[in-house]
Amino acid sequence: MSVTSVHKDPETRTMTLTAEFDAGVDRVWQLWSDPRQLERWWGPPTHPATVVDHDLRPGGRVSYFVTGPDGDRSPGWWQVLAVDPPRGLEFELGDPGIPALLVRVTVAERAGGGTRMVIETTFPSDDAMDQLLVMGFAEGLSAAVAQIDGLL
């Protein structure tokens, strides 16, 4: 099933991606909590991720890099703000090329079975939202999440 919707709300400077999976909540949570599984989907297919550090607790940090088709590596990080396994996660997302973003992840049982995962990104300003959406942020996140079905 994977990505079912991407909603952009300029008034609240948010982008909300919703995805549904046929796997249970605990299994979907493992995709965030296990660094080896995270790196198999976190970057879009053309920019696979390599997780360097993975401290998934409040105050912890997740650092990674993505490798582009030409071999160039781009670093990124999460500053973990809150964790509620297996139901949710909140972190600040950053890399040298973008302003820091607030990301809230919710993982919940779906009526009729399976799991619904919602990733809400809050941009720090209107300009940052415009810049990142033009750079393909929505398409990149959608392509990354679309890889999850193959892991489940």
N, C-alpha and C. Protein backbone atom coordinates (compact mmCIF):
# COMPACT_ATOMS: atom_id res chain seq x y z
N MET A 1 0.84 -1.20 0.00
CA MET A 1 0.00 0.00 0.00
C MET A 1 0.87 1.25 0.00
N SER A 2 1.64 1.39 1.01
CA SER A 2 2.61 2.47 1.16
C SER A 2 1.96 3.86 1.21
N VAL A 3 2.52 4.84 0.51
CA VAL A 3 2.08 6.23 0.65
C VAL A 3 0.66 6.38 0.10
N THR A 4 -0.23 6.88 0.96
CA THR A 4 -1.62 7.09 0.53
C THR A 4 -1.93 8.56 0.30
N SER A 5 -1.16 9.48 0.95
CA SER A 5 -1.41 10.90 0.71
C SER A 5 -0.22 11.73 1.20
N VAL A 6 -0.08 12.89 0.56
CA VAL A 6 0.87 13.91 0.99
C VAL A 6 0.09 15.22 0.97
N HIS A 7 -0.06 15.82 2.14
CA HIS A 7 -0.82 17.07 2.25
C HIS A 7 0.11 18.19 2.67
N LYS A 8 0.12 19.27 1.88
CA LYS A 8 0.95 20.43 2.19
C LYS A 8 0.04 21.56 2.65
N ASP A 9 0.34 22.13 3.82
CA ASP A 9 -0.47 23.20 4.39
C ASP A 9 0.40 24.43 4.63
N PRO A 10 0.41 25.38 3.69
CA PRO A 10 1.25 26.56 3.84
C PRO A 10 0.90 27.41 5.07
N GLU A 11 -0.37 27.39 5.50
CA GLU A 11 -0.77 28.20 6.66
C GLU A 11 -0.09 27.73 7.94
N THR A 12 0.07 26.42 8.10
CA THR A 12 0.74 25.89 9.30
C THR A 12 2.19 25.49 9.01
N ARG A 13 2.63 25.70 7.77
CA ARG A 13 3.99 25.33 7.33
C ARG A 13 4.28 23.86 7.60
N THR A 14 3.31 23.01 7.27
CA THR A 14 3.49 21.57 7.48
C THR A 14 3.27 20.80 6.19
N MET A 15 3.91 19.65 6.16
CA MET A 15 3.65 18.66 5.12
C MET A 15 3.41 17.35 5.86
N THR A 16 2.29 16.71 5.57
CA THR A 16 1.92 15.47 6.25
C THR A 16 1.84 14.35 5.23
N LEU A 17 2.70 13.35 5.43
CA LEU A 17 2.70 12.16 4.59
C LEU A 17 2.04 11.04 5.37
N THR A 18 1.08 10.37 4.75
CA THR A 18 0.41 9.23 5.37
C THR A 18 0.70 7.99 4.53
N ALA A 19 1.08 6.92 5.23
CA ALA A 19 1.35 5.65 4.55
C ALA A 19 0.65 4.54 5.32
N GLU A 20 0.26 3.50 4.62
CA GLU A 20 -0.39 2.35 5.24
C GLU A 20 0.35 1.08 4.83
N PHE A 21 0.44 0.17 5.79
CA PHE A 21 1.17 -1.07 5.58
C PHE A 21 0.36 -2.24 6.11
N ASP A 22 0.58 -3.40 5.53
CA ASP A 22 -0.12 -4.61 5.97
C ASP A 22 0.55 -5.25 7.18
N ALA A 23 1.65 -4.72 7.65
CA ALA A 23 2.36 -5.25 8.81
C ALA A 23 1.82 -4.60 10.10
N GLY A 24 2.13 -5.22 11.23
CA GLY A 24 1.71 -4.70 12.53
C GLY A 24 2.55 -3.52 12.98
N VAL A 25 2.06 -2.84 14.01
CA VAL A 25 2.71 -1.65 14.56
C VAL A 25 4.14 -1.94 14.99
N ASP A 26 4.36 -3.03 15.72
CA ASP A 26 5.70 -3.35 16.20
C ASP A 26 6.68 -3.54 15.04
N ARG A 27 6.22 -4.17 13.99
CA ARG A 27 7.10 -4.40 12.83
C ARG A 27 7.44 -3.08 12.14
N VAL A 28 6.46 -2.21 11.98
CA VAL A 28 6.72 -0.91 11.34
C VAL A 28 7.65 -0.08 12.23
N TRP A 29 7.48 -0.16 13.53
CA TRP A 29 8.35 0.59 14.45
C TRP A 29 9.81 0.17 14.29
N GLN A 30 10.05 -1.11 14.01
CA GLN A 30 11.42 -1.60 13.83
C GLN A 30 12.14 -0.86 12.70
N LEU A 31 11.40 -0.36 11.74
CA LEU A 31 12.00 0.36 10.63
C LEU A 31 12.65 1.66 11.09
N TRP A 32 12.20 2.18 12.23
CA TRP A 32 12.78 3.39 12.83
C TRP A 32 13.82 3.02 13.89
N SER A 33 13.55 1.97 14.65
CA SER A 33 14.39 1.67 15.81
C SER A 33 15.64 0.85 15.50
N ASP A 34 15.69 0.20 14.36
CA ASP A 34 16.85 -0.61 13.99
C ASP A 34 17.63 0.14 12.89
N PRO A 35 18.84 0.59 13.19
CA PRO A 35 19.58 1.39 12.20
C PRO A 35 19.82 0.67 10.88
N ARG A 36 19.99 -0.64 10.89
CA ARG A 36 20.22 -1.37 9.63
C ARG A 36 18.95 -1.38 8.77
N GLN A 37 17.78 -1.43 9.41
CA GLN A 37 16.54 -1.35 8.64
C GLN A 37 16.26 0.09 8.20
N LEU A 38 16.55 1.04 9.06
CA LEU A 38 16.34 2.45 8.73
C LEU A 38 17.12 2.83 7.47
N GLU A 39 18.36 2.41 7.39
CA GLU A 39 19.16 2.82 6.24
C GLU A 39 18.71 2.15 4.94
N ARG A 40 17.88 1.14 5.03
CA ARG A 40 17.39 0.49 3.81
C ARG A 40 16.23 1.26 3.17
N TRP A 41 15.69 2.28 3.90
CA TRP A 41 14.60 3.04 3.29
C TRP A 41 14.71 4.55 3.49
N TRP A 42 15.51 5.02 4.41
CA TRP A 42 15.49 6.45 4.77
C TRP A 42 15.84 7.35 3.59
N GLY A 43 16.80 7.02 2.78
CA GLY A 43 17.09 7.83 1.61
C GLY A 43 16.25 7.37 0.43
N PRO A 44 15.98 8.27 -0.51
CA PRO A 44 15.28 7.84 -1.72
C PRO A 44 16.13 6.80 -2.46
N PRO A 45 15.54 6.03 -3.37
CA PRO A 45 16.27 4.95 -4.05
C PRO A 45 17.58 5.41 -4.70
N THR A 46 17.63 6.62 -5.21
CA THR A 46 18.84 7.11 -5.88
C THR A 46 19.87 7.65 -4.90
N HIS A 47 19.50 7.77 -3.62
CA HIS A 47 20.39 8.32 -2.59
C HIS A 47 20.29 7.47 -1.32
N PRO A 48 20.82 6.24 -1.34
CA PRO A 48 20.70 5.37 -0.17
C PRO A 48 21.42 5.94 1.05
N ALA A 49 20.86 5.65 2.22
CA ALA A 49 21.39 6.15 3.48
C ALA A 49 22.32 5.14 4.14
N THR A 50 23.28 5.66 4.86
CA THR A 50 24.13 4.86 5.74
C THR A 50 24.06 5.50 7.12
N VAL A 51 23.56 4.76 8.10
CA VAL A 51 23.43 5.29 9.46
C VAL A 51 24.76 5.10 10.18
N VAL A 52 25.27 6.19 10.75
CA VAL A 52 26.56 6.18 11.44
C VAL A 52 26.35 6.01 12.94
N ASP A 53 25.49 6.83 13.52
CA ASP A 53 25.14 6.77 14.94
C ASP A 53 23.63 6.68 15.05
N HIS A 54 23.14 5.92 16.04
CA HIS A 54 21.70 5.73 16.18
C HIS A 54 21.37 5.65 17.67
N ASP A 55 21.12 6.78 18.28
CA ASP A 55 20.80 6.87 19.70
C ASP A 55 19.35 7.36 19.80
N LEU A 56 18.42 6.44 19.70
CA LEU A 56 17.00 6.77 19.61
C LEU A 56 16.38 6.87 21.00
N ARG A 57 16.73 7.95 21.69
CA ARG A 57 16.16 8.27 23.00
C ARG A 57 16.13 9.79 23.10
N PRO A 58 15.26 10.35 23.94
CA PRO A 58 15.23 11.81 24.07
C PRO A 58 16.63 12.34 24.40
N GLY A 59 17.05 13.33 23.64
CA GLY A 59 18.38 13.89 23.80
C GLY A 59 19.42 13.18 22.95
N GLY A 60 19.06 12.05 22.35
CA GLY A 60 19.98 11.29 21.51
C GLY A 60 20.09 11.88 20.12
N ARG A 61 20.98 11.30 19.36
CA ARG A 61 21.23 11.80 18.02
C ARG A 61 21.37 10.61 17.05
N VAL A 62 20.80 10.79 15.89
CA VAL A 62 20.96 9.85 14.79
C VAL A 62 21.72 10.61 13.71
N SER A 63 22.84 10.09 13.29
CA SER A 63 23.57 10.73 12.20
C SER A 63 23.71 9.72 11.05
N TYR A 64 23.74 10.24 9.85
CA TYR A 64 23.76 9.41 8.66
C TYR A 64 24.32 10.21 7.50
N PHE A 65 24.55 9.54 6.41
CA PHE A 65 24.82 10.24 5.17
C PHE A 65 24.10 9.50 4.06
N VAL A 66 23.76 10.23 3.02
CA VAL A 66 23.18 9.62 1.83
C VAL A 66 24.22 9.74 0.71
N THR A 67 24.25 8.72 -0.13
CA THR A 67 25.21 8.68 -1.22
C THR A 67 24.46 8.83 -2.54
N GLY A 68 24.82 9.85 -3.28
CA GLY A 68 24.17 10.11 -4.56
C GLY A 68 24.71 9.21 -5.66
N PRO A 69 24.07 9.23 -6.82
CA PRO A 69 24.48 8.39 -7.94
C PRO A 69 25.92 8.63 -8.38
N ASP A 70 26.42 9.84 -8.16
CA ASP A 70 27.80 10.16 -8.55
C ASP A 70 28.81 9.85 -7.46
N GLY A 71 28.33 9.27 -6.33
CA GLY A 71 29.22 8.91 -5.23
C GLY A 71 29.39 9.98 -4.18
N ASP A 72 28.85 11.17 -4.41
CA ASP A 72 28.93 12.24 -3.42
C ASP A 72 28.11 11.89 -2.20
N ARG A 73 28.66 12.18 -1.03
CA ARG A 73 27.96 11.90 0.23
C ARG A 73 27.47 13.20 0.85
N SER A 74 26.23 13.17 1.31
CA SER A 74 25.64 14.32 2.00
C SER A 74 25.25 13.90 3.41
N PRO A 75 25.78 14.59 4.44
CA PRO A 75 25.46 14.20 5.81
C PRO A 75 24.10 14.73 6.26
N GLY A 76 23.54 14.06 7.24
CA GLY A 76 22.29 14.51 7.85
C GLY A 76 22.24 14.03 9.29
N TRP A 77 21.34 14.57 10.06
CA TRP A 77 21.21 14.19 11.47
C TRP A 77 19.79 14.40 11.96
N TRP A 78 19.49 13.68 13.03
CA TRP A 78 18.26 13.91 13.81
C TRP A 78 18.71 14.22 15.23
N GLN A 79 18.14 15.23 15.82
CA GLN A 79 18.25 15.46 17.26
C GLN A 79 16.94 14.96 17.84
N VAL A 80 17.00 13.86 18.59
CA VAL A 80 15.79 13.20 19.07
C VAL A 80 15.19 13.99 20.24
N LEU A 81 13.91 14.34 20.09
CA LEU A 81 13.22 15.12 21.11
C LEU A 81 12.32 14.25 21.99
N ALA A 82 11.65 13.28 21.40
CA ALA A 82 10.73 12.41 22.14
C ALA A 82 10.63 11.06 21.43
N VAL A 83 10.47 10.01 22.24
CA VAL A 83 10.30 8.67 21.70
C VAL A 83 9.26 7.95 22.54
N ASP A 84 8.28 7.33 21.88
CA ASP A 84 7.24 6.57 22.55
C ASP A 84 7.05 5.24 21.79
N PRO A 85 8.00 4.30 21.98
CA PRO A 85 7.93 3.05 21.22
C PRO A 85 6.68 2.25 21.56
N PRO A 86 6.02 1.67 20.64
CA PRO A 86 6.22 1.69 19.20
C PRO A 86 5.30 2.69 18.51
N ARG A 87 4.86 3.69 19.23
CA ARG A 87 3.80 4.57 18.74
C ARG A 87 4.26 5.89 18.13
N GLY A 88 5.44 6.38 18.50
CA GLY A 88 5.78 7.68 17.96
C GLY A 88 7.19 8.13 18.24
N LEU A 89 7.54 9.18 17.55
CA LEU A 89 8.89 9.70 17.56
C LEU A 89 8.82 11.16 17.14
N GLU A 90 9.64 11.99 17.76
CA GLU A 90 9.73 13.39 17.35
C GLU A 90 11.20 13.76 17.32
N PHE A 91 11.62 14.42 16.24
CA PHE A 91 13.02 14.81 16.12
C PHE A 91 13.17 16.05 15.26
N GLU A 92 14.30 16.71 15.46
CA GLU A 92 14.68 17.80 14.59
C GLU A 92 15.58 17.19 13.53
N LEU A 93 15.28 17.47 12.27
CA LEU A 93 16.02 16.94 11.14
C LEU A 93 16.85 18.05 10.52
N GLY A 94 18.12 17.77 10.28
CA GLY A 94 18.94 18.78 9.65
C GLY A 94 20.03 18.19 8.80
N ASP A 95 20.57 19.04 7.95
CA ASP A 95 21.78 18.75 7.20
C ASP A 95 22.35 20.10 6.79
N PRO A 96 23.61 20.13 6.35
CA PRO A 96 24.23 21.43 6.05
C PRO A 96 23.51 22.26 4.98
N GLY A 97 22.70 21.63 4.14
CA GLY A 97 22.07 22.36 3.05
C GLY A 97 20.66 22.84 3.31
N ILE A 98 20.08 22.51 4.47
CA ILE A 98 18.69 22.90 4.71
C ILE A 98 18.53 23.44 6.14
N PRO A 99 17.50 24.28 6.33
CA PRO A 99 17.20 24.69 7.71
C PRO A 99 16.62 23.50 8.48
N ALA A 100 16.82 23.49 9.80
CA ALA A 100 16.32 22.38 10.62
C ALA A 100 14.80 22.30 10.56
N LEU A 101 14.29 21.08 10.48
CA LEU A 101 12.86 20.81 10.39
C LEU A 101 12.42 20.02 11.62
N LEU A 102 11.18 20.20 12.04
CA LEU A 102 10.61 19.39 13.12
C LEU A 102 9.81 18.27 12.48
N VAL A 103 10.10 17.03 12.88
CA VAL A 103 9.42 15.87 12.31
C VAL A 103 8.74 15.09 13.43
N ARG A 104 7.45 14.82 13.25
CA ARG A 104 6.68 14.00 14.20
C ARG A 104 6.17 12.77 13.45
N VAL A 105 6.47 11.60 14.01
CA VAL A 105 6.06 10.34 13.41
C VAL A 105 5.06 9.68 14.34
N THR A 106 3.94 9.24 13.78
CA THR A 106 2.94 8.49 14.54
C THR A 106 2.71 7.16 13.84
N VAL A 107 2.76 6.10 14.63
CA VAL A 107 2.54 4.75 14.11
C VAL A 107 1.35 4.19 14.88
N ALA A 108 0.28 3.81 14.17
CA ALA A 108 -0.95 3.36 14.84
C ALA A 108 -1.60 2.22 14.07
N GLU A 109 -2.35 1.42 14.81
CA GLU A 109 -3.11 0.34 14.16
C GLU A 109 -4.14 0.95 13.24
N ARG A 110 -4.33 0.29 12.12
CA ARG A 110 -5.31 0.72 11.13
C ARG A 110 -6.56 -0.11 11.31
N ALA A 111 -7.71 0.51 11.22
CA ALA A 111 -8.97 -0.24 11.29
C ALA A 111 -8.96 -1.30 10.19
N GLY A 112 -9.27 -2.52 10.56
CA GLY A 112 -9.27 -3.60 9.59
C GLY A 112 -7.92 -4.31 9.49
N GLY A 113 -6.96 -3.89 10.31
CA GLY A 113 -5.65 -4.55 10.33
C GLY A 113 -4.58 -3.72 9.65
N GLY A 114 -3.37 -4.01 9.99
CA GLY A 114 -2.24 -3.27 9.43
C GLY A 114 -1.93 -2.03 10.24
N THR A 115 -1.13 -1.16 9.65
CA THR A 115 -0.62 0.01 10.36
C THR A 115 -0.70 1.24 9.48
N ARG A 116 -1.01 2.36 10.13
CA ARG A 116 -0.96 3.67 9.47
C ARG A 116 0.20 4.43 10.09
N MET A 117 1.07 4.96 9.25
CA MET A 117 2.18 5.78 9.71
C MET A 117 2.00 7.18 9.15
N VAL A 118 2.10 8.16 10.02
CA VAL A 118 1.97 9.55 9.62
C VAL A 118 3.28 10.26 9.96
N ILE A 119 3.85 10.93 8.97
CA ILE A 119 5.07 11.72 9.18
C ILE A 119 4.70 13.17 8.90
N GLU A 120 4.69 13.97 9.97
CA GLU A 120 4.37 15.39 9.83
C GLU A 120 5.65 16.20 9.97
N THR A 121 5.95 16.98 8.95
CA THR A 121 7.13 17.83 8.94
C THR A 121 6.68 19.27 9.08
N THR A 122 7.28 19.99 10.04
CA THR A 122 7.01 21.42 10.21
C THR A 122 8.24 22.19 9.78
N PHE A 123 8.05 23.13 8.88
CA PHE A 123 9.13 23.94 8.35
C PHE A 123 9.29 25.20 9.21
N PRO A 124 10.52 25.69 9.39
CA PRO A 124 10.74 26.83 10.29
C PRO A 124 10.26 28.17 9.75
N SER A 125 10.01 28.26 8.45
CA SER A 125 9.56 29.52 7.86
C SER A 125 8.87 29.22 6.53
N ASP A 126 8.12 30.21 6.05
CA ASP A 126 7.50 30.07 4.73
C ASP A 126 8.56 29.88 3.66
N ASP A 127 9.65 30.66 3.75
CA ASP A 127 10.72 30.55 2.75
C ASP A 127 11.34 29.16 2.75
N ALA A 128 11.57 28.61 3.95
CA ALA A 128 12.16 27.27 4.05
C ALA A 128 11.22 26.23 3.43
N MET A 129 9.93 26.36 3.69
CA MET A 129 8.98 25.41 3.12
C MET A 129 9.00 25.50 1.60
N ASP A 130 8.94 26.74 1.08
CA ASP A 130 8.96 26.92 -0.37
C ASP A 130 10.24 26.34 -0.98
N GLN A 131 11.39 26.65 -0.36
CA GLN A 131 12.68 26.20 -0.87
C GLN A 131 12.75 24.68 -0.91
N LEU A 132 12.37 24.03 0.17
CA LEU A 132 12.49 22.57 0.24
C LEU A 132 11.49 21.85 -0.67
N LEU A 133 10.30 22.40 -0.79
CA LEU A 133 9.33 21.77 -1.69
C LEU A 133 9.78 21.90 -3.15
N VAL A 134 10.36 23.04 -3.50
CA VAL A 134 10.88 23.21 -4.86
C VAL A 134 12.04 22.25 -5.11
N MET A 135 12.85 21.99 -4.07
CA MET A 135 14.00 21.07 -4.19
C MET A 135 13.55 19.61 -4.28
N GLY A 136 12.25 19.33 -4.06
CA GLY A 136 11.76 17.96 -4.19
C GLY A 136 11.63 17.20 -2.89
N PHE A 137 11.49 17.93 -1.76
CA PHE A 137 11.39 17.28 -0.46
C PHE A 137 10.22 16.29 -0.41
N ALA A 138 9.05 16.68 -0.90
CA ALA A 138 7.87 15.80 -0.86
C ALA A 138 8.10 14.55 -1.70
N GLU A 139 8.65 14.71 -2.89
CA GLU A 139 8.90 13.58 -3.77
C GLU A 139 9.98 12.65 -3.18
N GLY A 140 11.01 13.24 -2.58
CA GLY A 140 12.07 12.43 -1.99
C GLY A 140 11.59 11.61 -0.81
N LEU A 141 10.80 12.24 0.07
CA LEU A 141 10.27 11.51 1.23
C LEU A 141 9.29 10.43 0.76
N SER A 142 8.47 10.75 -0.21
CA SER A 142 7.52 9.76 -0.74
C SER A 142 8.25 8.57 -1.34
N ALA A 143 9.31 8.83 -2.10
CA ALA A 143 10.08 7.75 -2.72
C ALA A 143 10.77 6.90 -1.65
N ALA A 144 11.25 7.55 -0.59
CA ALA A 144 11.89 6.81 0.50
C ALA A 144 10.89 5.89 1.19
N VAL A 145 9.75 6.43 1.57
CA VAL A 145 8.72 5.65 2.27
C VAL A 145 8.18 4.54 1.37
N ALA A 146 8.12 4.78 0.08
CA ALA A 146 7.61 3.76 -0.85
C ALA A 146 8.47 2.50 -0.84
N GLN A 147 9.70 2.59 -0.36
CA GLN A 147 10.58 1.42 -0.30
C GLN A 147 10.24 0.48 0.86
N ILE A 148 9.43 0.96 1.80
CA ILE A 148 9.15 0.19 3.01
C ILE A 148 8.41 -1.11 2.70
N ASP A 149 7.47 -1.09 1.78
CA ASP A 149 6.72 -2.30 1.45
C ASP A 149 7.66 -3.46 1.13
N GLY A 150 8.74 -3.18 0.43
CA GLY A 150 9.68 -4.22 0.07
C GLY A 150 10.44 -4.80 1.26
N LEU A 151 10.49 -4.04 2.36
CA LEU A 151 11.17 -4.52 3.58
C LEU A 151 10.24 -5.31 4.48
N LEU A 152 8.96 -5.08 4.35
CA LEU A 152 7.99 -5.73 5.22
C LEU A 152 7.60 -7.06 4.59
